[in-house]
């Protein structure tokens, strides 16, 4: 049980750190909407962005966050 709780806290911290990293990239903000979830150190990105380069930026930024093993994204491009 303790190991599960530790993994949950670690995943929660990774999610918070990815969201904080996104905050440093204003182009990923409104009108774009990217949701971040983490499970077993794999970051899942979903939502929409207005340009394809923003999708690439989001994935690249998330990969640089400490503790991220892999990034899976289902971000769609509106234009």
PDB file of N, CA and C in Angstrom:
ATOM      1  N   UNK A   1       0.821  -1.200   0.000  1.00  0.00           N
ATOM      2  CA  UNK A   1       0.000   0.000   0.000  1.00  0.00           C
ATOM      3  C   UNK A   1       0.865   1.265   0.000  1.00  0.00           C
ATOM      4  N   UNK A   2       1.933   1.249   0.758  1.00  0.00           N
ATOM      5  CA  UNK A   2       2.813   2.415   0.832  1.00  0.00           C
ATOM      6  C   UNK A   2       3.454   2.699  -0.524  1.00  0.00           C
ATOM      7  N   UNK A   3       3.832   1.639  -1.234  1.00  0.00           N
ATOM      8  CA  UNK A   3       4.455   1.827  -2.547  1.00  0.00           C
ATOM      9  C   UNK A   3       3.473   2.471  -3.517  1.00  0.00           C
ATOM     10  N   UNK A   4       2.218   2.052  -3.466  1.00  0.00           N
ATOM     11  CA  UNK A   4       1.184   2.645  -4.325  1.00  0.00           C
ATOM     12  C   UNK A   4       1.017   4.124  -4.000  1.00  0.00           C
ATOM     13  N   UNK A   5       0.969   4.460  -2.731  1.00  0.00           N
ATOM     14  CA  UNK A   5       0.804   5.850  -2.309  1.00  0.00           C
ATOM     15  C   UNK A   5       1.996   6.691  -2.742  1.00  0.00           C
ATOM     16  N   UNK A   6       3.215   6.141  -2.595  1.00  0.00           N
ATOM     17  CA  UNK A   6       4.414   6.868  -3.028  1.00  0.00           C
ATOM     18  C   UNK A   6       4.393   7.122  -4.530  1.00  0.00           C
ATOM     19  N   UNK A   7       3.953   6.127  -5.298  1.00  0.00           N
ATOM     20  CA  UNK A   7       3.875   6.285  -6.755  1.00  0.00           C
ATOM     21  C   UNK A   7       2.821   7.326  -7.119  1.00  0.00           C
ATOM     22  N   UNK A   8       1.694   7.305  -6.394  1.00  0.00           N
ATOM     23  CA  UNK A   8       0.645   8.298  -6.622  1.00  0.00           C
ATOM     24  C   UNK A   8       1.182   9.700  -6.374  1.00  0.00           C
ATOM     25  N   UNK A   9       1.894   9.896  -5.266  1.00  0.00           N
ATOM     26  CA  UNK A   9       2.452  11.218  -4.959  1.00  0.00           C
ATOM     27  C   UNK A   9       3.477  11.636  -6.007  1.00  0.00           C
ATOM     28  N   UNK A  10       4.287  10.689  -6.453  1.00  0.00           N
ATOM     29  CA  UNK A  10       5.281  10.981  -7.479  1.00  0.00           C
ATOM     30  C   UNK A  10       4.599  11.404  -8.784  1.00  0.00           C
ATOM     31  N   UNK A  11       3.570  10.667  -9.189  1.00  0.00           N
ATOM     32  CA  UNK A  11       2.832  11.014 -10.407  1.00  0.00           C
ATOM     33  C   UNK A  11       2.159  12.373 -10.272  1.00  0.00           C
ATOM     34  N   UNK A  12       1.606  12.648  -9.094  1.00  0.00           N
ATOM     35  CA  UNK A  12       0.956  13.939  -8.839  1.00  0.00           C
ATOM     36  C   UNK A  12       1.979  15.074  -8.967  1.00  0.00           C
ATOM     37  N   UNK A  13       3.165  14.868  -8.434  1.00  0.00           N
ATOM     38  CA  UNK A  13       4.218  15.888  -8.516  1.00  0.00           C
ATOM     39  C   UNK A  13       4.650  16.099  -9.966  1.00  0.00           C
ATOM     40  N   UNK A  14       4.778  15.016 -10.730  1.00  0.00           N
ATOM     41  CA  UNK A  14       5.152  15.143 -12.141  1.00  0.00           C
ATOM     42  C   UNK A  14       4.104  15.960 -12.892  1.00  0.00           C
ATOM     43  N   UNK A  15       2.821  15.662 -12.652  1.00  0.00           N
ATOM     44  CA  UNK A  15       1.745  16.426 -13.298  1.00  0.00           C
ATOM     45  C   UNK A  15       1.866  17.906 -12.975  1.00  0.00           C
ATOM     46  N   UNK A  16       2.070  18.226 -11.705  1.00  0.00           N
ATOM     47  CA  UNK A  16       2.203  19.630 -11.288  1.00  0.00           C
ATOM     48  C   UNK A  16       3.418  20.278 -11.943  1.00  0.00           C
ATOM     49  N   UNK A  17       4.514  19.543 -12.032  1.00  0.00           N
ATOM     50  CA  UNK A  17       5.729  20.094 -12.640  1.00  0.00           C
ATOM     51  C   UNK A  17       5.573  20.312 -14.147  1.00  0.00           C
ATOM     52  N   UNK A  18       4.863  19.416 -14.819  1.00  0.00           N
ATOM     53  CA  UNK A  18       4.610  19.608 -16.252  1.00  0.00           C
ATOM     54  C   UNK A  18       3.727  20.837 -16.453  1.00  0.00           C
ATOM     55  N   UNK A  19       2.687  20.981 -15.646  1.00  0.00           N
ATOM     56  CA  UNK A  19       1.811  22.150 -15.769  1.00  0.00           C
ATOM     57  C   UNK A  19       2.585  23.438 -15.490  1.00  0.00           C
ATOM     58  N   UNK A  20       3.474  23.408 -14.507  1.00  0.00           N
ATOM     59  CA  UNK A  20       4.299  24.591 -14.211  1.00  0.00           C
ATOM     60  C   UNK A  20       5.237  24.893 -15.376  1.00  0.00           C
ATOM     61  N   UNK A  21       5.781  23.857 -15.988  1.00  0.00           N
ATOM     62  CA  UNK A  21       6.655  24.064 -17.152  1.00  0.00           C
ATOM     63  C   UNK A  21       5.870  24.683 -18.304  1.00  0.00           C
ATOM     64  N   UNK A  22       4.632  24.232 -18.513  1.00  0.00           N
ATOM     65  CA  UNK A  22       3.789  24.811 -19.561  1.00  0.00           C
ATOM     66  C   UNK A  22       3.533  26.293 -19.305  1.00  0.00           C
ATOM     67  N   UNK A  23       3.427  26.684 -18.053  1.00  0.00           N
ATOM     68  CA  UNK A  23       3.180  28.091 -17.713  1.00  0.00           C
ATOM     69  C   UNK A  23       4.305  28.996 -18.200  1.00  0.00           C
ATOM     70  N   UNK A  24       5.490  28.450 -18.397  1.00  0.00           N
ATOM     71  CA  UNK A  24       6.631  29.239 -18.883  1.00  0.00           C
ATOM     72  C   UNK A  24       6.605  29.413 -20.401  1.00  0.00           C
ATOM     73  N   UNK A  25       5.608  28.831 -21.051  1.00  0.00           N
ATOM     74  CA  UNK A  25       5.448  28.926 -22.508  1.00  0.00           C
ATOM     75  C   UNK A  25       4.087  29.543 -22.801  1.00  0.00           C
ATOM     76  N   UNK A  26       4.020  30.873 -22.886  1.00  0.00           N
ATOM     77  CA  UNK A  26       2.737  31.547 -23.077  1.00  0.00           C
ATOM     78  C   UNK A  26       1.989  31.079 -24.322  1.00  0.00           C
ATOM     79  N   UNK A  27       2.711  30.612 -25.330  1.00  0.00           N
ATOM     80  CA  UNK A  27       2.044  30.156 -26.557  1.00  0.00           C
ATOM     81  C   UNK A  27       1.212  28.893 -26.322  1.00  0.00           C
ATOM     82  N   UNK A  28       1.424  28.221 -25.204  1.00  0.00           N
ATOM     83  CA  UNK A  28       0.631  27.035 -24.877  1.00  0.00           C
ATOM     84  C   UNK A  28      -0.633  27.382 -24.087  1.00  0.00           C
ATOM     85  N   UNK A  29      -0.781  28.671 -23.758  1.00  0.00           N
ATOM     86  CA  UNK A  29      -1.951  29.116 -23.010  1.00  0.00           C
ATOM     87  C   UNK A  29      -3.140  29.351 -23.914  1.00  0.00           C
ATOM     88  N   UNK A  30      -4.103  30.092 -23.427  1.00  0.00           N
ATOM     89  CA  UNK A  30      -5.329  30.381 -24.183  1.00  0.00           C
ATOM     90  C   UNK A  30      -5.002  30.917 -25.568  1.00  0.00           C
ATOM     91  N   UNK A  31      -5.711  30.515 -26.584  1.00  0.00           N
ATOM     92  CA  UNK A  31      -6.948  29.740 -26.580  1.00  0.00           C
ATOM     93  C   UNK A  31      -6.718  28.230 -26.550  1.00  0.00           C
ATOM     94  N   UNK A  32      -5.466  27.815 -26.361  1.00  0.00           N
ATOM     95  CA  UNK A  32      -5.152  26.394 -26.319  1.00  0.00           C
ATOM     96  C   UNK A  32      -5.580  25.806 -24.983  1.00  0.00           C
ATOM     97  N   UNK A  33      -5.857  24.538 -24.989  1.00  0.00           N
ATOM     98  CA  UNK A  33      -6.301  23.866 -23.778  1.00  0.00           C
ATOM     99  C   UNK A  33      -5.645  22.486 -23.720  1.00  0.00           C
ATOM    100  N   UNK A  34      -4.650  22.346 -22.843  1.00  0.00           N
ATOM    101  CA  UNK A  34      -3.937  21.082 -22.720  1.00  0.00           C
ATOM    102  C   UNK A  34      -4.130  20.539 -21.309  1.00  0.00           C
ATOM    103  N   UNK A  35      -4.624  19.335 -21.238  1.00  0.00           N
ATOM    104  CA  UNK A  35      -4.815  18.638 -19.972  1.00  0.00           C
ATOM    105  C   UNK A  35      -3.642  17.697 -19.754  1.00  0.00           C
ATOM    106  N   UNK A  36      -3.192  17.595 -18.494  1.00  0.00           N
ATOM    107  CA  UNK A  36      -2.050  16.752 -18.158  1.00  0.00           C
ATOM    108  C   UNK A  36      -2.468  15.737 -17.104  1.00  0.00           C
ATOM    109  N   UNK A  37      -2.153  14.476 -17.345  1.00  0.00           N
ATOM    110  CA  UNK A  37      -2.348  13.416 -16.361  1.00  0.00           C
ATOM    111  C   UNK A  37      -1.110  12.538 -16.384  1.00  0.00           C
ATOM    112  N   UNK A  38      -0.771  11.968 -15.234  1.00  0.00           N
ATOM    113  CA  UNK A  38       0.405  11.107 -15.145  1.00  0.00           C
ATOM    114  C   UNK A  38       0.022   9.804 -14.474  1.00  0.00           C
ATOM    115  N   UNK A  39       0.507   8.708 -15.037  1.00  0.00           N
ATOM    116  CA  UNK A  39       0.293   7.392 -14.457  1.00  0.00           C
ATOM    117  C   UNK A  39       1.567   6.581 -14.652  1.00  0.00           C
ATOM    118  N   UNK A  40       2.160   6.157 -13.557  1.00  0.00           N
ATOM    119  CA  UNK A  40       3.405   5.370 -13.610  1.00  0.00           C
ATOM    120  C   UNK A  40       4.506   6.089 -14.381  1.00  0.00           C
ATOM    121  N   UNK A  41       4.633   7.386 -14.155  1.00  0.00           N
ATOM    122  CA  UNK A  41       5.654   8.242 -14.766  1.00  0.00           C
ATOM    123  C   UNK A  41       5.460   8.461 -16.265  1.00  0.00           C
ATOM    124  N   UNK A  42       4.323   8.053 -16.801  1.00  0.00           N
ATOM    125  CA  UNK A  42       3.981   8.335 -18.195  1.00  0.00           C
ATOM    126  C   UNK A  42       3.002   9.503 -18.194  1.00  0.00           C
ATOM    127  N   UNK A  43       3.350  10.569 -18.913  1.00  0.00           N
ATOM    128  CA  UNK A  43       2.520  11.764 -18.975  1.00  0.00           C
ATOM    129  C   UNK A  43       1.597  11.655 -20.183  1.00  0.00           C
ATOM    130  N   UNK A  44       0.308  11.887 -19.925  1.00  0.00           N
ATOM    131  CA  UNK A  44      -0.710  11.856 -20.973  1.00  0.00           C
ATOM    132  C   UNK A  44      -1.209  13.276 -21.198  1.00  0.00           C
ATOM    133  N   UNK A  45      -1.041  13.757 -22.422  1.00  0.00           N
ATOM    134  CA  UNK A  45      -1.479  15.099 -22.787  1.00  0.00           C
ATOM    135  C   UNK A  45      -2.696  14.981 -23.687  1.00  0.00           C
ATOM    136  N   UNK A  46      -3.698  15.772 -23.413  1.00  0.00           N
ATOM    137  CA  UNK A  46      -4.885  15.785 -24.269  1.00  0.00           C
ATOM    138  C   UNK A  46      -5.395  17.216 -24.370  1.00  0.00           C
ATOM    139  N   UNK A  47      -6.286  17.437 -25.317  1.00  0.00           N
ATOM    140  CA  UNK A  47      -6.845  18.768 -25.509  1.00  0.00           C
ATOM    141  C   UNK A  47      -6.581  19.264 -26.906  1.00  0.00           C
ATOM    142  N   UNK A  48      -6.605  20.580 -27.065  1.00  0.00           N
ATOM    143  CA  UNK A  48      -6.438  21.161 -28.383  1.00  0.00           C
ATOM    144  C   UNK A  48      -5.526  22.368 -28.390  1.00  0.00           C
ATOM    145  N   UNK A  49      -4.836  22.540 -29.505  1.00  0.00           N
ATOM    146  CA  UNK A  49      -3.983  23.708 -29.735  1.00  0.00           C
ATOM    147  C   UNK A  49      -4.294  24.255 -31.121  1.00  0.00           C
ATOM    148  N   UNK A  50      -3.916  25.488 -31.356  1.00  0.00           N
ATOM    149  CA  UNK A  50      -4.248  26.122 -32.629  1.00  0.00           C
ATOM    150  C   UNK A  50      -3.210  25.880 -33.722  1.00  0.00           C
ATOM    151  N   UNK A  51      -2.026  25.388 -33.377  1.00  0.00           N
ATOM    152  CA  UNK A  51      -0.987  25.140 -34.377  1.00  0.00           C
ATOM    153  C   UNK A  51      -0.235  23.855 -34.044  1.00  0.00           C
ATOM    154  N   UNK A  52       0.190  23.143 -35.075  1.00  0.00           N
ATOM    155  CA  UNK A  52       0.906  21.892 -34.890  1.00  0.00           C
ATOM    156  C   UNK A  52       2.206  22.036 -34.128  1.00  0.00           C
ATOM    157  N   UNK A  53       2.877  23.167 -34.292  1.00  0.00           N
ATOM    158  CA  UNK A  53       4.140  23.369 -33.569  1.00  0.00           C
ATOM    159  C   UNK A  53       3.909  23.427 -32.059  1.00  0.00           C
ATOM    160  N   UNK A  54       2.735  23.867 -31.645  1.00  0.00           N
ATOM    161  CA  UNK A  54       2.425  23.934 -30.213  1.00  0.00           C
ATOM    162  C   UNK A  54       2.296  22.536 -29.627  1.00  0.00           C
ATOM    163  N   UNK A  55       1.771  21.622 -30.414  1.00  0.00           N
ATOM    164  CA  UNK A  55       1.678  20.220 -29.975  1.00  0.00           C
ATOM    165  C   UNK A  55       3.089  19.673 -29.750  1.00  0.00           C
ATOM    166  N   UNK A  56       3.978  19.935 -30.683  1.00  0.00           N
ATOM    167  CA  UNK A  56       5.360  19.485 -30.565  1.00  0.00           C
ATOM    168  C   UNK A  56       6.044  20.124 -29.356  1.00  0.00           C
ATOM    169  N   UNK A  57       5.791  21.416 -29.143  1.00  0.00           N
ATOM    170  CA  UNK A  57       6.374  22.108 -27.996  1.00  0.00           C
ATOM    171  C   UNK A  57       5.891  21.496 -26.692  1.00  0.00           C
ATOM    172  N   UNK A  58       4.603  21.231 -26.584  1.00  0.00           N
ATOM    173  CA  UNK A  58       4.049  20.652 -25.364  1.00  0.00           C
ATOM    174  C   UNK A  58       4.691  19.307 -25.058  1.00  0.00           C
ATOM    175  N   UNK A  59       4.830  18.482 -26.060  1.00  0.00           N
ATOM    176  CA  UNK A  59       5.440  17.163 -25.857  1.00  0.00           C
ATOM    177  C   UNK A  59       6.898  17.306 -25.446  1.00  0.00           C
ATOM    178  N   UNK A  60       7.623  18.191 -26.110  1.00  0.00           N
ATOM    179  CA  UNK A  60       9.038  18.409 -25.805  1.00  0.00           C
ATOM    180  C   UNK A  60       9.232  18.944 -24.388  1.00  0.00           C
ATOM    181  N   UNK A  61       8.413  19.901 -23.999  1.00  0.00           N
ATOM    182  CA  UNK A  61       8.504  20.485 -22.649  1.00  0.00           C
ATOM    183  C   UNK A  61       8.218  19.414 -21.597  1.00  0.00           C
ATOM    184  N   UNK A  62       7.194  18.613 -21.814  1.00  0.00           N
ATOM    185  CA  UNK A  62       6.837  17.566 -20.852  1.00  0.00           C
ATOM    186  C   UNK A  62       7.964  16.541 -20.710  1.00  0.00           C
ATOM    187  N   UNK A  63       8.599  16.174 -21.806  1.00  0.00           N
ATOM    188  CA  UNK A  63       9.679  15.192 -21.762  1.00  0.00           C
ATOM    189  C   UNK A  63      10.869  15.659 -20.936  1.00  0.00           C
ATOM    190  N   UNK A  64      11.051  16.957 -20.823  1.00  0.00           N
ATOM    191  CA  UNK A  64      12.197  17.503 -20.091  1.00  0.00           C
ATOM    192  C   UNK A  64      11.982  17.535 -18.579  1.00  0.00           C
ATOM    193  N   UNK A  65      10.761  17.297 -18.128  1.00  0.00           N
ATOM    194  CA  UNK A  65      10.461  17.349 -16.697  1.00  0.00           C
ATOM    195  C   UNK A  65      11.035  16.116 -16.009  1.00  0.00           C
ATOM    196  N   UNK A  66      11.696  16.339 -14.894  1.00  0.00           N
ATOM    197  CA  UNK A  66      12.316  15.254 -14.132  1.00  0.00           C
ATOM    198  C   UNK A  66      11.270  14.216 -13.731  1.00  0.00           C
ATOM    199  N   UNK A  67      11.606  12.953 -13.966  1.00  0.00           N
ATOM    200  CA  UNK A  67      10.727  11.863 -13.579  1.00  0.00           C
ATOM    201  C   UNK A  67       9.832  11.351 -14.688  1.00  0.00           C
ATOM    202  N   UNK A  68       9.755  12.078 -15.800  1.00  0.00           N
ATOM    203  CA  UNK A  68       8.896  11.657 -16.913  1.00  0.00           C
ATOM    204  C   UNK A  68       9.612  10.561 -17.703  1.00  0.00           C
ATOM    205  N   UNK A  69       8.959   9.404 -17.794  1.00  0.00           N
ATOM    206  CA  UNK A  69       9.529   8.286 -18.544  1.00  0.00           C
ATOM    207  C   UNK A  69       9.152   8.357 -20.016  1.00  0.00           C
ATOM    208  N   UNK A  70       7.928   8.809 -20.281  1.00  0.00           N
ATOM    209  CA  UNK A  70       7.415   8.843 -21.656  1.00  0.00           C
ATOM    210  C   UNK A  70       6.238   9.803 -21.720  1.00  0.00           C
ATOM    211  N   UNK A  71       5.976  10.325 -22.904  1.00  0.00           N
ATOM    212  CA  UNK A  71       4.834  11.210 -23.109  1.00  0.00           C
ATOM    213  C   UNK A  71       3.953  10.612 -24.198  1.00  0.00           C
ATOM    214  N   UNK A  72       2.681  10.516 -23.904  1.00  0.00           N
ATOM    215  CA  UNK A  72       1.677  10.091 -24.882  1.00  0.00           C
ATOM    216  C   UNK A  72       0.748  11.280 -25.082  1.00  0.00           C
ATOM    217  N   UNK A  73       0.488  11.641 -26.319  1.00  0.00           N
ATOM    218  CA  UNK A  73      -0.408  12.779 -26.511  1.00  0.00           C
ATOM    219  C   UNK A  73      -1.503  12.493 -27.516  1.00  0.00           C
ATOM    220  N   UNK A  74      -2.649  13.019 -27.197  1.00  0.00           N
ATOM    221  CA  UNK A  74      -3.815  12.973 -28.086  1.00  0.00           C
ATOM    222  C   UNK A  74      -4.293  14.398 -28.342  1.00  0.00           C
ATOM    223  N   UNK A  75      -3.338  15.311 -28.365  1.00  0.00           N
ATOM    224  CA  UNK A  75      -3.646  16.722 -28.615  1.00  0.00           C
ATOM    225  C   UNK A  75      -4.062  16.879 -30.078  1.00  0.00           C
ATOM    226  N   UNK A  76      -5.149  17.570 -30.293  1.00  0.00           N
ATOM    227  CA  UNK A  76      -5.586  17.830 -31.666  1.00  0.00           C
ATOM    228  C   UNK A  76      -5.271  19.268 -32.034  1.00  0.00           C
ATOM    229  N   UNK A  77      -5.086  19.488 -33.324  1.00  0.00           N
ATOM    230  CA  UNK A  77      -4.768  20.811 -33.853  1.00  0.00           C
ATOM    231  C   UNK A  77      -6.021  21.365 -34.513  1.00  0.00           C
ATOM    232  N   UNK A  78      -6.418  22.583 -34.107  1.00  0.00           N
ATOM    233  CA  UNK A  78      -7.674  23.152 -34.595  1.00  0.00           C
ATOM    234  C   UNK A  78      -7.527  23.826 -35.960  1.00  0.00           C
ATOM    235  N   UNK A  79      -6.334  24.162 -36.379  1.00  0.00           N
ATOM    236  CA  UNK A  79      -6.158  24.811 -37.680  1.00  0.00           C
ATOM    237  C   UNK A  79      -5.434  23.899 -38.637  1.00  0.00           C
TER     238      UNK A  79
END
